[in-house]
């Protein structure tokens, strides 16, 4: 029991301590101090919660980064729309100019038609003068035709006929050969060469050209039957045989 008595005495001694009168003040002050300390702790927890919430909001906030045209989506159809490739702009050409080559070709065609019309008119004039017996005028006109169109076999042949009438066989043969170079199957030129060589008593060449003329045009036989230029061939067996064929 001695230890109980010791405890009671100690308690009584503490009660009589010079600080006993201030016990309530200290106790009250301690209670007041403890309460604010607990409030600060609660406030700190709340502040931590607010900070955490703010951090979450900031982390979940949409990025302000701008999207490039290839990455942008149509908001109304964001689930199905994919980045679009840039569409190439189509350029419509208005009043397109015609290629120069086509223009040149058209000009050449028009020029050719004009020259062809003038050529036909000139040849008709030459042929008319020829029929009328104005052979010198016809000769000049035929030469003009040949100058414009060196491959005009009709003008070459008719000019040769005029030379034949003038007994200028050299130029007649030249013009007839020019016609055959353009068109070998031209019976008129073969027939006129046969006549020229018959007049020169070259029966072999004459018969050769006459056969060609008949081959290209069987009606030549009718020309040869009464042609005085071919009289030198009349008695030749080859000539008679050629005339007999139908």
Protein backbone atom coordinates (compact mmCIF):
# COMPACT_ATOMS: atom_id res chain seq x y z
CA UNK A 1 0.00 0.00 0.00
CA UNK A 2 3.01 2.26 0.35
CA UNK A 3 3.15 2.85 -3.39
CA UNK A 4 -0.47 4.09 -3.27
CA UNK A 5 0.37 6.54 -0.60
CA UNK A 6 3.37 7.71 -2.58
CA UNK A 7 1.16 8.36 -5.61
CA UNK A 8 -1.38 10.30 -3.57
CA UNK A 9 1.33 12.43 -2.03
CA UNK A 10 2.79 13.16 -5.45
CA UNK A 11 -0.58 14.16 -6.79
CA UNK A 12 -1.15 16.43 -3.83
CA UNK A 13 2.23 17.96 -4.36
CA UNK A 14 1.55 18.59 -8.01
CA UNK A 15 -1.74 20.16 -7.07
CA UNK A 16 -0.01 22.58 -4.87
CA UNK A 17 2.44 23.47 -7.64
CA UNK A 18 2.74 27.22 -8.45
CA UNK A 19 1.34 26.44 -11.96
CA UNK A 20 -1.86 24.87 -10.64
CA UNK A 21 -3.81 28.11 -10.92
CA UNK A 22 -3.00 28.22 -14.61
CA UNK A 23 -4.18 24.69 -15.31
CA UNK A 24 -7.46 25.74 -16.85
CA UNK A 25 -5.79 28.32 -18.96
CA UNK A 26 -3.22 25.92 -20.18
CA UNK A 27 -5.80 23.25 -20.71
CA UNK A 28 -8.12 25.59 -22.54
CA UNK A 29 -5.26 26.91 -24.50
CA UNK A 30 -4.19 23.43 -25.37
CA UNK A 31 -7.64 22.55 -26.52
CA UNK A 32 -7.75 25.68 -28.66
CA UNK A 33 -4.37 24.87 -30.07
CA UNK A 34 -5.33 21.27 -30.88
CA UNK A 35 -8.46 22.30 -32.71
CA UNK A 36 -6.71 24.64 -35.16
CA UNK A 37 -4.05 22.01 -35.75
CA UNK A 38 -6.72 19.49 -36.80
CA UNK A 39 -8.36 22.11 -39.03
CA UNK A 40 -5.10 22.80 -40.80
CA UNK A 41 -4.68 19.10 -41.47
CA UNK A 42 -8.15 18.87 -42.97
CA UNK A 43 -7.50 21.98 -45.05
CA UNK A 44 -4.25 20.45 -46.31
CA UNK A 45 -6.02 17.29 -47.35
CA UNK A 46 -8.64 19.32 -49.17
CA UNK A 47 -5.94 21.32 -50.90
CA UNK A 48 -4.23 18.12 -52.00
CA UNK A 49 -7.53 16.85 -53.37
CA UNK A 50 -8.09 20.10 -55.25
CA UNK A 51 -4.55 19.95 -56.66
CA UNK A 52 -5.05 16.37 -57.77
CA UNK A 53 -8.35 17.26 -59.37
CA UNK A 54 -6.77 20.22 -61.11
CA UNK A 55 -3.94 18.05 -62.38
CA UNK A 56 -6.43 15.55 -63.78
CA UNK A 57 -8.35 18.34 -65.51
CA UNK A 58 -5.17 19.72 -67.01
CA UNK A 59 -4.07 16.29 -68.21
CA UNK A 60 -7.46 15.64 -69.82
CA UNK A 61 -7.71 19.06 -71.39
CA UNK A 62 -7.78 18.92 -75.28
CA UNK A 63 -4.53 19.86 -76.91
CA UNK A 64 -4.32 23.30 -78.50
CA UNK A 65 -2.08 21.92 -81.26
CA UNK A 66 -3.47 22.85 -84.66
CA UNK A 67 -4.06 20.02 -87.11
CA UNK A 68 -2.77 20.11 -90.62
CA UNK A 69 -5.27 20.05 -93.52
CA UNK A 70 -4.45 16.36 -94.15
CA UNK A 71 -5.23 15.48 -90.48
CA UNK A 72 -8.38 17.56 -89.96
CA UNK A 73 -11.67 15.73 -89.82
CA UNK A 74 -15.19 16.75 -90.50
CA UNK A 75 -16.73 17.08 -87.04
CA UNK A 76 -20.21 16.15 -88.26
CA UNK A 77 -18.86 12.89 -89.64
CA UNK A 78 -15.80 12.28 -87.50
CA UNK A 79 -16.36 8.55 -87.16
CA UNK A 80 -16.32 7.80 -90.86
CA UNK A 81 -14.29 10.60 -92.39
CA UNK A 82 -10.65 9.89 -93.11
CA UNK A 83 -7.90 12.35 -94.01
CA UNK A 84 -8.54 13.49 -97.58
CA UNK A 85 -5.91 13.67 -100.27
CA UNK A 86 -5.70 17.13 -101.86
CA UNK A 87 -7.84 17.22 -105.00
CA UNK A 88 -6.03 18.31 -108.14
CA UNK A 89 -7.63 21.38 -109.61
CA UNK A 90 -9.02 20.89 -113.08
CA UNK A 91 -8.28 23.68 -115.51
CA UNK A 92 -10.77 24.31 -118.28
CA UNK A 93 -9.23 25.81 -121.38
CA UNK A 94 -11.48 28.38 -122.99
CA UNK A 95 -11.11 29.48 -126.59
CA UNK A 96 -8.34 27.01 -127.24
CA UNK A 97 -6.32 28.02 -130.25
CA UNK A 98 -6.12 25.66 -133.17
CA UNK A 99 -2.67 24.03 -133.58
CA UNK A 100 -0.44 25.86 -136.03
CA UNK A 101 0.11 22.65 -138.01
CA UNK A 102 -3.65 22.35 -138.62
CA UNK A 103 -3.85 25.97 -139.72
CA UNK A 104 -0.95 25.47 -142.14
CA UNK A 105 -2.55 22.30 -143.46
CA UNK A 106 -5.88 24.07 -143.97
CA UNK A 107 -4.13 26.93 -145.78
CA UNK A 108 -2.32 24.45 -148.00
CA UNK A 109 -5.57 22.67 -148.82
CA UNK A 110 -7.28 25.96 -149.69
CA UNK A 111 -4.29 26.99 -151.74
CA UNK A 112 -4.30 23.63 -153.53
CA UNK A 113 -8.00 23.93 -154.35
CA UNK A 114 -7.45 27.41 -155.77
CA UNK A 115 -4.49 26.32 -157.87
CA UNK A 116 -6.39 23.25 -159.11
CA UNK A 117 -9.32 25.41 -160.23
CA UNK A 118 -7.00 27.83 -162.02
CA UNK A 119 -5.14 24.91 -163.64
CA UNK A 120 -8.34 23.37 -165.02
CA UNK A 121 -9.41 26.72 -166.39
CA UNK A 122 -6.02 27.28 -168.03
CA UNK A 123 -6.00 23.78 -169.58
CA UNK A 124 -9.52 24.28 -170.94
CA UNK A 125 -8.39 27.49 -172.64
CA UNK A 126 -5.35 25.74 -174.16
CA UNK A 127 -7.45 22.82 -175.43
CA UNK A 128 -9.98 25.18 -176.98
CA UNK A 129 -7.26 27.11 -178.80
CA UNK A 130 -5.82 23.79 -179.97
CA UNK A 131 -9.14 22.66 -181.45
CA UNK A 132 -9.63 26.03 -183.13
CA UNK A 133 -6.25 25.64 -184.84
CA UNK A 134 -4.53 28.41 -182.87
CA UNK A 135 -1.64 26.12 -182.09
CA UNK A 136 0.83 28.83 -181.07
CA UNK A 137 -1.55 30.21 -178.46
CA UNK A 138 -2.37 26.66 -177.40
CA UNK A 139 1.35 25.90 -177.13
CA UNK A 140 1.90 28.87 -174.80
CA UNK A 141 -1.03 27.90 -172.60
CA UNK A 142 0.05 24.24 -172.41
CA UNK A 143 3.49 25.34 -171.26
CA UNK A 144 1.91 27.43 -168.50
CA UNK A 145 -0.08 24.40 -167.38
CA UNK A 146 3.05 22.23 -167.30
CA UNK A 147 4.95 24.90 -165.37
CA UNK A 148 2.28 24.80 -162.69
CA UNK A 149 1.84 21.02 -162.85
CA UNK A 150 4.77 19.16 -164.46
CA UNK A 151 2.90 15.86 -164.02
CA UNK A 152 -0.08 16.85 -166.16
CA UNK A 153 0.08 14.05 -168.75
CA UNK A 154 -2.70 15.54 -170.94
CA UNK A 155 -0.87 18.84 -171.33
CA UNK A 156 2.43 17.03 -172.03
CA UNK A 157 0.80 14.85 -174.70
CA UNK A 158 -1.02 17.72 -176.41
CA UNK A 159 2.09 19.90 -176.43
CA UNK A 160 3.92 16.97 -178.11
CA UNK A 161 1.16 16.80 -180.77
CA UNK A 162 1.77 20.49 -181.55
CA UNK A 163 5.50 19.78 -181.95
CA UNK A 164 4.59 16.88 -184.28
CA UNK A 165 2.58 19.24 -186.47
CA UNK A 166 5.54 21.55 -186.58
CA UNK A 167 7.79 18.56 -187.38
CA UNK A 168 9.83 19.20 -184.25
CA UNK A 169 10.03 15.51 -183.41
CA UNK A 170 12.86 15.90 -180.90
CA UNK A 171 10.76 17.94 -178.47
CA UNK A 172 7.71 15.87 -179.23
CA UNK A 173 9.53 12.68 -178.13
CA UNK A 174 10.84 14.43 -175.00
CA UNK A 175 7.36 15.54 -173.92
CA UNK A 176 5.80 12.13 -174.66
CA UNK A 177 8.47 10.35 -172.63
CA UNK A 178 7.86 12.83 -169.80
CA UNK A 179 4.20 11.81 -169.85
CA UNK A 180 5.09 8.09 -169.75
CA UNK A 181 7.37 8.69 -166.79
CA UNK A 182 4.37 10.02 -164.92
CA UNK A 183 1.91 7.43 -166.26
CA UNK A 184 3.35 4.56 -168.27
CA UNK A 185 -0.07 3.05 -169.01
CA UNK A 186 -1.10 6.19 -170.93
CA UNK A 187 -2.12 4.90 -174.41
CA UNK A 188 -2.16 8.32 -176.14
CA UNK A 189 1.56 8.87 -175.53
CA UNK A 190 2.43 5.35 -176.78
CA UNK A 191 0.33 5.85 -179.92
CA UNK A 192 1.90 9.25 -180.75
CA UNK A 193 5.40 7.81 -180.31
CA UNK A 194 4.43 4.99 -182.71
CA UNK A 195 3.38 7.65 -185.25
CA UNK A 196 6.62 9.64 -184.85
CA UNK A 197 8.86 6.56 -185.32
CA UNK A 198 6.73 5.40 -188.28
CA UNK A 199 7.37 8.76 -189.97
CA UNK A 200 11.08 8.25 -189.30
CA UNK A 201 10.81 4.75 -190.87
CA UNK A 202 11.74 3.17 -187.55
CA UNK A 203 9.12 0.41 -187.92
CA UNK A 204 10.48 -1.70 -185.08
CA UNK A 205 10.06 1.05 -182.46
CA UNK A 206 6.81 2.13 -184.08
CA UNK A 207 5.27 -1.35 -183.79
CA UNK A 208 6.53 -1.69 -180.21
CA UNK A 209 4.80 1.49 -179.06
CA UNK A 210 1.70 0.64 -181.10
CA UNK A 211 1.38 -2.72 -179.34
CA UNK A 212 1.63 -0.98 -175.97
CA UNK A 213 -1.07 1.47 -177.00
CA UNK A 214 -3.40 -1.36 -178.08
CA UNK A 215 -2.68 -3.26 -174.87
CA UNK A 216 -3.64 -0.31 -172.69
CA UNK A 217 -6.60 0.68 -174.90
CA UNK A 218 -7.96 -1.78 -177.54
CA UNK A 219 -9.81 1.08 -179.27
CA UNK A 220 -6.42 2.25 -180.59
CA UNK A 221 -6.93 -0.21 -183.49
CA UNK A 222 -9.65 2.08 -184.81
CA UNK A 223 -7.25 5.03 -184.68
CA UNK A 224 -4.55 3.13 -186.56
CA UNK A 225 -6.68 1.74 -189.41
CA UNK A 226 -6.79 4.98 -191.44
CA UNK A 227 -3.95 6.98 -189.87
CA UNK A 228 -1.64 8.25 -192.61
CA UNK A 229 1.23 8.55 -190.14
CA UNK A 230 1.24 4.74 -189.86
CA UNK A 231 1.03 3.95 -193.57
CA UNK A 232 4.61 2.66 -193.50
CA UNK A 233 3.38 -0.16 -191.28
CA UNK A 234 0.32 -1.10 -193.34
CA UNK A 235 1.96 -3.95 -195.28
CA UNK A 236 3.83 -5.46 -192.37
CA UNK A 237 2.51 -8.85 -191.20
CA UNK A 238 2.89 -7.84 -187.55
CA UNK A 239 0.77 -4.76 -188.14
CA UNK A 240 -1.95 -6.75 -189.90
CA UNK A 241 -1.92 -9.36 -187.15
CA UNK A 242 -2.23 -6.61 -184.55
CA UNK A 243 -5.18 -5.05 -186.36
CA UNK A 244 -6.97 -8.39 -186.77
CA UNK A 245 -7.14 -9.13 -183.07
CA UNK A 246 -10.46 -8.30 -181.55
